[in-house]
């Protein structure tokens, strides 16, 4: 049975991750549990972005990814997404996950650079299946990066 772990504050050198919400699984919708964090400048409450991690494995996560992140525009160019991914990785490890997927649209060069800086392997660029929610919202392809922990 799944249990959320502490991880309310994950401290880094330049940024910290402060828990925003712990979202339980929704088995009816096929959603796994997730931790949602604000990225803040270290030791402050200045929000520079947000990141979340979904715990578990299912078809939807192959296309949607385990980790999602956004850095607010004034703070871009500081590799905060890379730093946040490296911090949040310990949550996955605490839940005995051995690999994570991070996905992005083929035209999202900043996200692709983040994956490359993390040393992730581009597994494939895949056409989304028509039954997928992202496909139904107009997205057609995803770059699938694999992170072996």
N, C-alpha and C. Protein backbone atom coordinates (compact mmCIF):
# COMPACT_ATOMS: atom_id res chain seq x y z
N UNK A 1 0.84 -1.19 0.00
CA UNK A 1 0.00 0.00 0.00
C UNK A 1 0.88 1.25 0.00
N UNK A 2 0.50 2.22 -0.79
CA UNK A 2 1.30 3.44 -0.94
C UNK A 2 1.15 4.34 0.29
N UNK A 3 2.27 4.91 0.71
CA UNK A 3 2.27 5.94 1.76
C UNK A 3 3.18 7.08 1.32
N UNK A 4 2.69 8.31 1.47
CA UNK A 4 3.55 9.46 1.22
C UNK A 4 4.64 9.49 2.29
N UNK A 5 5.81 9.92 1.89
CA UNK A 5 6.93 10.06 2.81
C UNK A 5 7.08 11.54 3.14
N UNK A 6 7.93 11.85 4.11
CA UNK A 6 8.13 13.24 4.54
C UNK A 6 8.31 14.20 3.37
N UNK A 7 9.52 14.43 2.97
CA UNK A 7 9.86 15.24 1.79
C UNK A 7 9.03 16.52 1.66
N UNK A 8 8.79 17.20 2.77
CA UNK A 8 8.05 18.47 2.71
C UNK A 8 8.96 19.62 2.31
N UNK A 9 10.24 19.48 2.57
CA UNK A 9 11.23 20.49 2.17
C UNK A 9 12.49 19.73 1.75
N UNK A 10 12.89 19.95 0.52
CA UNK A 10 14.12 19.35 0.01
C UNK A 10 15.07 20.50 -0.29
N UNK A 11 16.17 20.56 0.46
CA UNK A 11 17.09 21.68 0.36
C UNK A 11 18.22 21.39 -0.62
N UNK A 12 18.49 22.39 -1.44
CA UNK A 12 19.62 22.35 -2.35
C UNK A 12 20.55 23.50 -2.03
N UNK A 13 21.53 23.72 -2.89
CA UNK A 13 22.47 24.82 -2.66
C UNK A 13 21.92 26.14 -3.18
N UNK A 14 21.25 26.11 -4.34
CA UNK A 14 20.71 27.35 -4.92
C UNK A 14 19.20 27.45 -4.81
N UNK A 15 18.54 26.29 -4.86
CA UNK A 15 17.08 26.28 -4.74
C UNK A 15 16.67 25.20 -3.75
N UNK A 16 15.47 25.37 -3.21
CA UNK A 16 14.84 24.39 -2.36
C UNK A 16 13.50 24.02 -2.99
N UNK A 17 13.01 22.85 -2.65
CA UNK A 17 11.68 22.43 -3.08
C UNK A 17 10.79 22.39 -1.86
N UNK A 18 9.72 23.21 -1.88
CA UNK A 18 8.76 23.25 -0.77
C UNK A 18 7.47 22.61 -1.23
N UNK A 19 6.99 21.65 -0.45
CA UNK A 19 5.79 20.92 -0.84
C UNK A 19 4.61 21.87 -0.98
N UNK A 20 3.91 21.73 -2.06
CA UNK A 20 2.68 22.48 -2.30
C UNK A 20 1.48 21.57 -2.02
N UNK A 21 1.61 20.30 -2.46
CA UNK A 21 0.49 19.39 -2.31
C UNK A 21 0.98 17.95 -2.50
N UNK A 22 0.38 17.05 -1.75
CA UNK A 22 0.57 15.61 -1.96
C UNK A 22 -0.76 15.09 -2.48
N UNK A 23 -0.75 14.64 -3.72
CA UNK A 23 -1.99 14.26 -4.40
C UNK A 23 -2.14 12.74 -4.38
N UNK A 24 -3.20 12.23 -3.74
CA UNK A 24 -3.38 10.78 -3.71
C UNK A 24 -3.71 10.23 -5.09
N UNK A 25 -3.52 8.92 -5.24
CA UNK A 25 -3.87 8.25 -6.49
C UNK A 25 -5.37 8.35 -6.74
N UNK A 26 -5.73 8.34 -8.00
CA UNK A 26 -7.13 8.27 -8.41
C UNK A 26 -7.24 7.06 -9.33
N UNK A 27 -7.51 5.93 -8.72
CA UNK A 27 -7.51 4.67 -9.48
C UNK A 27 -8.56 4.68 -10.58
N UNK A 28 -9.68 5.34 -10.34
CA UNK A 28 -10.74 5.40 -11.35
C UNK A 28 -10.25 6.06 -12.63
N UNK A 29 -9.44 7.11 -12.48
CA UNK A 29 -8.90 7.82 -13.65
C UNK A 29 -7.56 7.25 -14.10
N UNK A 30 -7.01 6.32 -13.32
CA UNK A 30 -5.71 5.75 -13.66
C UNK A 30 -4.54 6.65 -13.29
N UNK A 31 -4.73 7.54 -12.30
CA UNK A 31 -3.69 8.47 -11.88
C UNK A 31 -2.94 7.91 -10.67
N UNK A 32 -1.63 8.02 -10.69
CA UNK A 32 -0.79 7.58 -9.58
C UNK A 32 -0.63 8.75 -8.60
N UNK A 33 -0.15 8.47 -7.38
CA UNK A 33 0.08 9.56 -6.42
C UNK A 33 1.19 10.49 -6.91
N UNK A 34 1.13 11.73 -6.43
CA UNK A 34 2.12 12.73 -6.88
C UNK A 34 2.48 13.69 -5.75
N UNK A 35 3.69 14.16 -5.82
CA UNK A 35 4.18 15.24 -4.95
C UNK A 35 4.31 16.47 -5.84
N UNK A 36 3.76 17.60 -5.39
CA UNK A 36 3.88 18.86 -6.13
C UNK A 36 4.63 19.86 -5.27
N UNK A 37 5.66 20.46 -5.87
CA UNK A 37 6.53 21.38 -5.14
C UNK A 37 6.62 22.74 -5.82
N UNK A 38 6.85 23.76 -5.00
CA UNK A 38 7.30 25.05 -5.49
C UNK A 38 8.82 25.02 -5.46
N UNK A 39 9.44 25.54 -6.52
CA UNK A 39 10.89 25.76 -6.52
C UNK A 39 11.09 27.17 -5.96
N UNK A 40 11.88 27.28 -4.91
CA UNK A 40 12.15 28.59 -4.32
C UNK A 40 13.66 28.80 -4.19
N UNK A 41 14.06 30.06 -4.23
CA UNK A 41 15.48 30.34 -4.02
C UNK A 41 15.85 29.85 -2.62
N UNK A 42 17.02 29.27 -2.50
CA UNK A 42 17.46 28.64 -1.25
C UNK A 42 17.28 29.56 -0.05
N UNK A 43 16.61 29.05 0.96
CA UNK A 43 16.43 29.77 2.22
C UNK A 43 15.45 30.92 2.17
N UNK A 44 14.68 31.03 1.06
CA UNK A 44 13.72 32.13 0.93
C UNK A 44 12.36 31.57 0.56
N UNK A 45 11.41 32.46 0.35
CA UNK A 45 10.11 32.05 -0.17
C UNK A 45 9.90 32.57 -1.59
N UNK A 46 10.98 33.02 -2.24
CA UNK A 46 10.91 33.54 -3.60
C UNK A 46 10.73 32.39 -4.58
N UNK A 47 9.54 32.31 -5.16
CA UNK A 47 9.20 31.21 -6.07
C UNK A 47 9.81 31.48 -7.44
N UNK A 48 10.54 30.46 -7.94
CA UNK A 48 11.15 30.57 -9.26
C UNK A 48 10.52 29.60 -10.25
N UNK A 49 9.67 28.71 -9.76
CA UNK A 49 9.01 27.74 -10.62
C UNK A 49 8.32 26.68 -9.82
N UNK A 50 7.98 25.58 -10.47
CA UNK A 50 7.37 24.46 -9.78
C UNK A 50 7.75 23.16 -10.47
N UNK A 51 7.63 22.08 -9.72
CA UNK A 51 7.99 20.75 -10.21
C UNK A 51 7.11 19.73 -9.51
N UNK A 52 6.80 18.67 -10.21
CA UNK A 52 6.06 17.59 -9.57
C UNK A 52 6.65 16.25 -10.00
N UNK A 53 6.40 15.25 -9.18
CA UNK A 53 6.83 13.90 -9.49
C UNK A 53 5.68 12.95 -9.21
N UNK A 54 5.44 12.08 -10.17
CA UNK A 54 4.39 11.08 -10.07
C UNK A 54 5.04 9.74 -9.74
N UNK A 55 4.46 9.03 -8.78
CA UNK A 55 5.08 7.82 -8.24
C UNK A 55 4.35 6.58 -8.76
N UNK A 56 5.08 5.75 -9.47
CA UNK A 56 4.51 4.51 -9.99
C UNK A 56 4.76 4.40 -11.48
N UNK A 57 4.16 3.39 -12.07
CA UNK A 57 4.33 3.14 -13.50
C UNK A 57 2.98 2.80 -14.11
N UNK A 58 2.70 3.36 -15.26
CA UNK A 58 1.49 3.04 -16.03
C UNK A 58 1.70 3.59 -17.44
N UNK A 59 0.84 3.19 -18.36
CA UNK A 59 0.98 3.62 -19.76
C UNK A 59 0.97 5.14 -19.88
N UNK A 60 0.08 5.79 -19.16
CA UNK A 60 -0.02 7.24 -19.25
C UNK A 60 1.26 7.96 -18.87
N UNK A 61 2.02 7.40 -17.92
CA UNK A 61 3.27 8.03 -17.49
C UNK A 61 4.37 7.87 -18.53
N UNK A 62 4.29 6.85 -19.34
CA UNK A 62 5.28 6.72 -20.41
C UNK A 62 5.17 7.92 -21.35
N UNK A 63 3.95 8.33 -21.64
CA UNK A 63 3.72 9.47 -22.54
C UNK A 63 3.81 10.81 -21.81
N UNK A 64 3.32 10.86 -20.58
CA UNK A 64 3.25 12.12 -19.85
C UNK A 64 4.44 12.39 -18.96
N UNK A 65 5.19 11.36 -18.63
CA UNK A 65 6.39 11.52 -17.81
C UNK A 65 6.13 11.47 -16.32
N UNK A 66 7.17 11.15 -15.58
CA UNK A 66 7.10 11.12 -14.12
C UNK A 66 7.34 12.50 -13.52
N UNK A 67 8.13 13.31 -14.20
CA UNK A 67 8.48 14.63 -13.67
C UNK A 67 8.01 15.70 -14.65
N UNK A 68 7.38 16.72 -14.09
CA UNK A 68 6.99 17.89 -14.87
C UNK A 68 7.54 19.13 -14.18
N UNK A 69 7.99 20.10 -14.93
CA UNK A 69 8.57 21.29 -14.32
C UNK A 69 8.32 22.51 -15.19
N UNK A 70 8.32 23.65 -14.53
CA UNK A 70 8.25 24.95 -15.21
C UNK A 70 9.08 25.93 -14.39
N UNK A 71 9.93 26.68 -15.06
CA UNK A 71 10.67 27.76 -14.42
C UNK A 71 10.03 29.06 -14.90
N UNK A 72 9.70 29.93 -13.96
CA UNK A 72 9.09 31.22 -14.30
C UNK A 72 10.05 32.05 -15.14
N UNK A 73 9.50 32.77 -16.09
CA UNK A 73 10.30 33.46 -17.10
C UNK A 73 11.45 34.31 -16.55
N UNK A 74 11.25 35.13 -15.50
CA UNK A 74 12.38 35.95 -15.03
C UNK A 74 13.55 35.14 -14.48
N UNK A 75 13.34 33.85 -14.20
CA UNK A 75 14.37 33.03 -13.58
C UNK A 75 14.97 31.99 -14.52
N UNK A 76 14.58 32.02 -15.77
CA UNK A 76 15.11 31.06 -16.73
C UNK A 76 16.58 31.34 -17.02
N UNK A 77 17.29 30.30 -17.47
CA UNK A 77 18.70 30.45 -17.81
C UNK A 77 19.63 30.16 -16.65
N UNK A 78 19.11 29.67 -15.52
CA UNK A 78 19.92 29.36 -14.35
C UNK A 78 20.01 27.86 -14.06
N UNK A 79 19.52 27.05 -14.98
CA UNK A 79 19.49 25.58 -14.83
C UNK A 79 18.70 25.14 -13.60
N UNK A 80 17.69 25.93 -13.21
CA UNK A 80 16.89 25.55 -12.04
C UNK A 80 16.12 24.26 -12.27
N UNK A 81 15.70 24.00 -13.50
CA UNK A 81 14.98 22.75 -13.75
C UNK A 81 15.91 21.55 -13.55
N UNK A 82 17.15 21.66 -13.97
CA UNK A 82 18.12 20.59 -13.77
C UNK A 82 18.35 20.37 -12.27
N UNK A 83 18.55 21.47 -11.55
CA UNK A 83 18.80 21.38 -10.11
C UNK A 83 17.59 20.80 -9.38
N UNK A 84 16.39 21.19 -9.80
CA UNK A 84 15.18 20.67 -9.16
C UNK A 84 14.99 19.19 -9.45
N UNK A 85 15.28 18.76 -10.67
CA UNK A 85 15.17 17.32 -11.00
C UNK A 85 16.15 16.51 -10.17
N UNK A 86 17.36 17.02 -10.02
CA UNK A 86 18.34 16.30 -9.20
C UNK A 86 17.91 16.21 -7.74
N UNK A 87 17.22 17.24 -7.25
CA UNK A 87 16.71 17.20 -5.87
C UNK A 87 15.54 16.23 -5.74
N UNK A 88 14.62 16.29 -6.68
CA UNK A 88 13.39 15.49 -6.58
C UNK A 88 13.64 14.01 -6.82
N UNK A 89 14.76 13.69 -7.43
CA UNK A 89 15.12 12.30 -7.70
C UNK A 89 15.10 11.46 -6.42
N UNK A 90 15.46 12.08 -5.29
CA UNK A 90 15.50 11.31 -4.04
C UNK A 90 14.11 10.85 -3.59
N UNK A 91 13.07 11.53 -4.03
CA UNK A 91 11.71 11.09 -3.72
C UNK A 91 11.44 9.77 -4.45
N UNK A 92 11.80 9.71 -5.72
CA UNK A 92 11.62 8.48 -6.50
C UNK A 92 12.42 7.34 -5.88
N UNK A 93 13.65 7.62 -5.51
CA UNK A 93 14.50 6.58 -4.92
C UNK A 93 13.91 6.07 -3.61
N UNK A 94 13.33 6.96 -2.81
CA UNK A 94 12.72 6.54 -1.54
C UNK A 94 11.50 5.65 -1.77
N UNK A 95 10.91 5.74 -2.95
CA UNK A 95 9.76 4.90 -3.30
C UNK A 95 10.20 3.70 -4.16
N UNK A 96 11.50 3.41 -4.14
CA UNK A 96 12.07 2.24 -4.82
C UNK A 96 11.82 2.23 -6.33
N UNK A 97 11.77 3.41 -6.92
CA UNK A 97 11.65 3.49 -8.38
C UNK A 97 13.06 3.35 -8.97
N UNK A 98 13.18 2.61 -10.07
CA UNK A 98 14.50 2.40 -10.66
C UNK A 98 14.70 3.16 -11.97
N UNK A 99 13.62 3.73 -12.49
CA UNK A 99 13.75 4.58 -13.68
C UNK A 99 12.58 5.55 -13.72
N UNK A 100 12.85 6.67 -14.37
CA UNK A 100 11.84 7.72 -14.54
C UNK A 100 11.81 8.10 -16.01
N UNK A 101 10.64 8.58 -16.44
CA UNK A 101 10.52 9.14 -17.78
C UNK A 101 10.23 10.63 -17.65
N UNK A 102 10.91 11.40 -18.46
CA UNK A 102 10.60 12.82 -18.61
C UNK A 102 10.29 13.00 -20.09
N UNK A 103 9.15 13.61 -20.37
CA UNK A 103 8.74 13.78 -21.76
C UNK A 103 8.55 15.26 -22.07
N UNK A 104 8.65 15.56 -23.35
CA UNK A 104 8.41 16.93 -23.79
C UNK A 104 8.01 16.90 -25.26
N UNK A 105 7.47 17.99 -25.71
CA UNK A 105 7.14 18.11 -27.13
C UNK A 105 8.43 18.25 -27.93
N UNK A 106 8.46 17.75 -29.15
CA UNK A 106 9.69 17.82 -29.97
C UNK A 106 10.21 19.24 -30.20
N UNK A 107 9.34 20.24 -30.13
CA UNK A 107 9.78 21.62 -30.35
C UNK A 107 10.14 22.35 -29.05
N UNK A 108 10.16 21.65 -27.91
CA UNK A 108 10.47 22.28 -26.62
C UNK A 108 11.97 22.14 -26.35
N UNK A 109 12.75 23.00 -27.01
CA UNK A 109 14.21 22.94 -26.89
C UNK A 109 14.72 23.12 -25.46
N UNK A 110 14.16 24.05 -24.66
CA UNK A 110 14.65 24.17 -23.28
C UNK A 110 14.48 22.88 -22.47
N UNK A 111 13.35 22.21 -22.62
CA UNK A 111 13.14 20.97 -21.89
C UNK A 111 14.07 19.86 -22.39
N UNK A 112 14.30 19.82 -23.69
CA UNK A 112 15.24 18.84 -24.23
C UNK A 112 16.64 19.09 -23.68
N UNK A 113 17.04 20.36 -23.57
CA UNK A 113 18.36 20.69 -23.01
C UNK A 113 18.44 20.26 -21.54
N UNK A 114 17.34 20.45 -20.80
CA UNK A 114 17.32 20.00 -19.40
C UNK A 114 17.59 18.50 -19.33
N UNK A 115 16.89 17.74 -20.14
CA UNK A 115 17.09 16.28 -20.16
C UNK A 115 18.52 15.92 -20.53
N UNK A 116 19.07 16.62 -21.50
CA UNK A 116 20.45 16.35 -21.91
C UNK A 116 21.43 16.68 -20.80
N UNK A 117 21.23 17.81 -20.10
CA UNK A 117 22.11 18.19 -18.99
C UNK A 117 22.03 17.17 -17.86
N UNK A 118 20.88 16.54 -17.68
CA UNK A 118 20.72 15.50 -16.66
C UNK A 118 21.36 14.18 -17.10
N UNK A 119 21.76 14.09 -18.36
CA UNK A 119 22.37 12.87 -18.86
C UNK A 119 21.36 11.81 -19.25
N UNK A 120 20.11 12.21 -19.48
CA UNK A 120 19.07 11.25 -19.85
C UNK A 120 19.25 10.79 -21.29
N UNK A 121 18.73 9.62 -21.56
CA UNK A 121 18.81 9.03 -22.89
C UNK A 121 17.47 9.26 -23.60
N UNK A 122 17.54 9.79 -24.83
CA UNK A 122 16.33 9.91 -25.64
C UNK A 122 15.99 8.52 -26.15
N UNK A 123 14.91 7.97 -25.61
CA UNK A 123 14.48 6.62 -26.00
C UNK A 123 13.85 6.63 -27.37
N UNK A 124 12.94 7.60 -27.57
CA UNK A 124 12.25 7.68 -28.87
C UNK A 124 11.44 8.96 -28.94
N UNK A 125 11.09 9.33 -30.16
CA UNK A 125 10.08 10.35 -30.42
C UNK A 125 8.89 9.58 -30.93
N UNK A 126 7.79 9.68 -30.21
CA UNK A 126 6.66 8.79 -30.45
C UNK A 126 5.40 9.58 -30.79
N UNK A 127 4.61 9.00 -31.67
CA UNK A 127 3.28 9.56 -31.94
C UNK A 127 2.37 9.17 -30.79
N UNK A 128 1.66 10.14 -30.24
CA UNK A 128 0.72 9.83 -29.15
C UNK A 128 -0.45 9.03 -29.69
N UNK A 129 -0.92 8.05 -28.92
CA UNK A 129 -2.10 7.29 -29.37
C UNK A 129 -3.35 8.17 -29.28
N UNK A 130 -4.28 7.98 -30.18
CA UNK A 130 -5.49 8.83 -30.19
C UNK A 130 -6.30 8.81 -28.89
N UNK A 131 -6.21 7.74 -28.10
CA UNK A 131 -6.97 7.68 -26.85
C UNK A 131 -6.32 8.49 -25.74
N UNK A 132 -5.09 8.95 -25.92
CA UNK A 132 -4.37 9.69 -24.89
C UNK A 132 -4.95 11.09 -24.71
N UNK A 133 -5.04 11.55 -23.46
CA UNK A 133 -5.58 12.88 -23.15
C UNK A 133 -4.82 13.99 -23.87
N UNK A 134 -3.49 13.89 -23.92
CA UNK A 134 -2.69 14.93 -24.57
C UNK A 134 -2.99 14.99 -26.07
N UNK A 135 -3.19 13.84 -26.69
CA UNK A 135 -3.55 13.79 -28.10
C UNK A 135 -4.88 14.50 -28.31
N UNK A 136 -5.82 14.22 -27.42
CA UNK A 136 -7.16 14.83 -27.54
C UNK A 136 -7.13 16.33 -27.30
N UNK A 137 -6.05 16.82 -26.65
CA UNK A 137 -5.89 18.27 -26.44
C UNK A 137 -5.06 18.91 -27.55
N UNK A 138 -4.72 18.13 -28.59
CA UNK A 138 -4.04 18.70 -29.74
C UNK A 138 -2.57 18.37 -29.88
N UNK A 139 -1.98 17.71 -28.89
CA UNK A 139 -0.57 17.32 -29.00
C UNK A 139 -0.48 16.04 -29.80
N UNK A 140 0.54 15.90 -30.61
CA UNK A 140 0.64 14.74 -31.49
C UNK A 140 1.85 13.86 -31.21
N UNK A 141 2.96 14.44 -30.71
CA UNK A 141 4.17 13.67 -30.50
C UNK A 141 4.81 14.03 -29.16
N UNK A 142 5.63 13.11 -28.65
CA UNK A 142 6.40 13.35 -27.44
C UNK A 142 7.80 12.78 -27.61
N UNK A 143 8.79 13.50 -27.09
CA UNK A 143 10.13 12.96 -26.92
C UNK A 143 10.12 12.24 -25.57
N UNK A 144 10.53 10.99 -25.57
CA UNK A 144 10.53 10.19 -24.35
C UNK A 144 11.98 10.02 -23.90
N UNK A 145 12.32 10.60 -22.75
CA UNK A 145 13.65 10.47 -22.16
C UNK A 145 13.57 9.53 -20.98
N UNK A 146 14.55 8.66 -20.85
CA UNK A 146 14.58 7.70 -19.75
C UNK A 146 15.73 8.05 -18.82
N UNK A 147 15.43 8.03 -17.53
CA UNK A 147 16.43 8.31 -16.49
C UNK A 147 16.56 7.06 -15.63
N UNK A 148 17.64 6.34 -15.78
CA UNK A 148 17.88 5.16 -14.96
C UNK A 148 18.50 5.61 -13.66
N UNK A 149 17.86 5.26 -12.56
CA UNK A 149 18.34 5.72 -11.24
C UNK A 149 19.33 4.75 -10.63
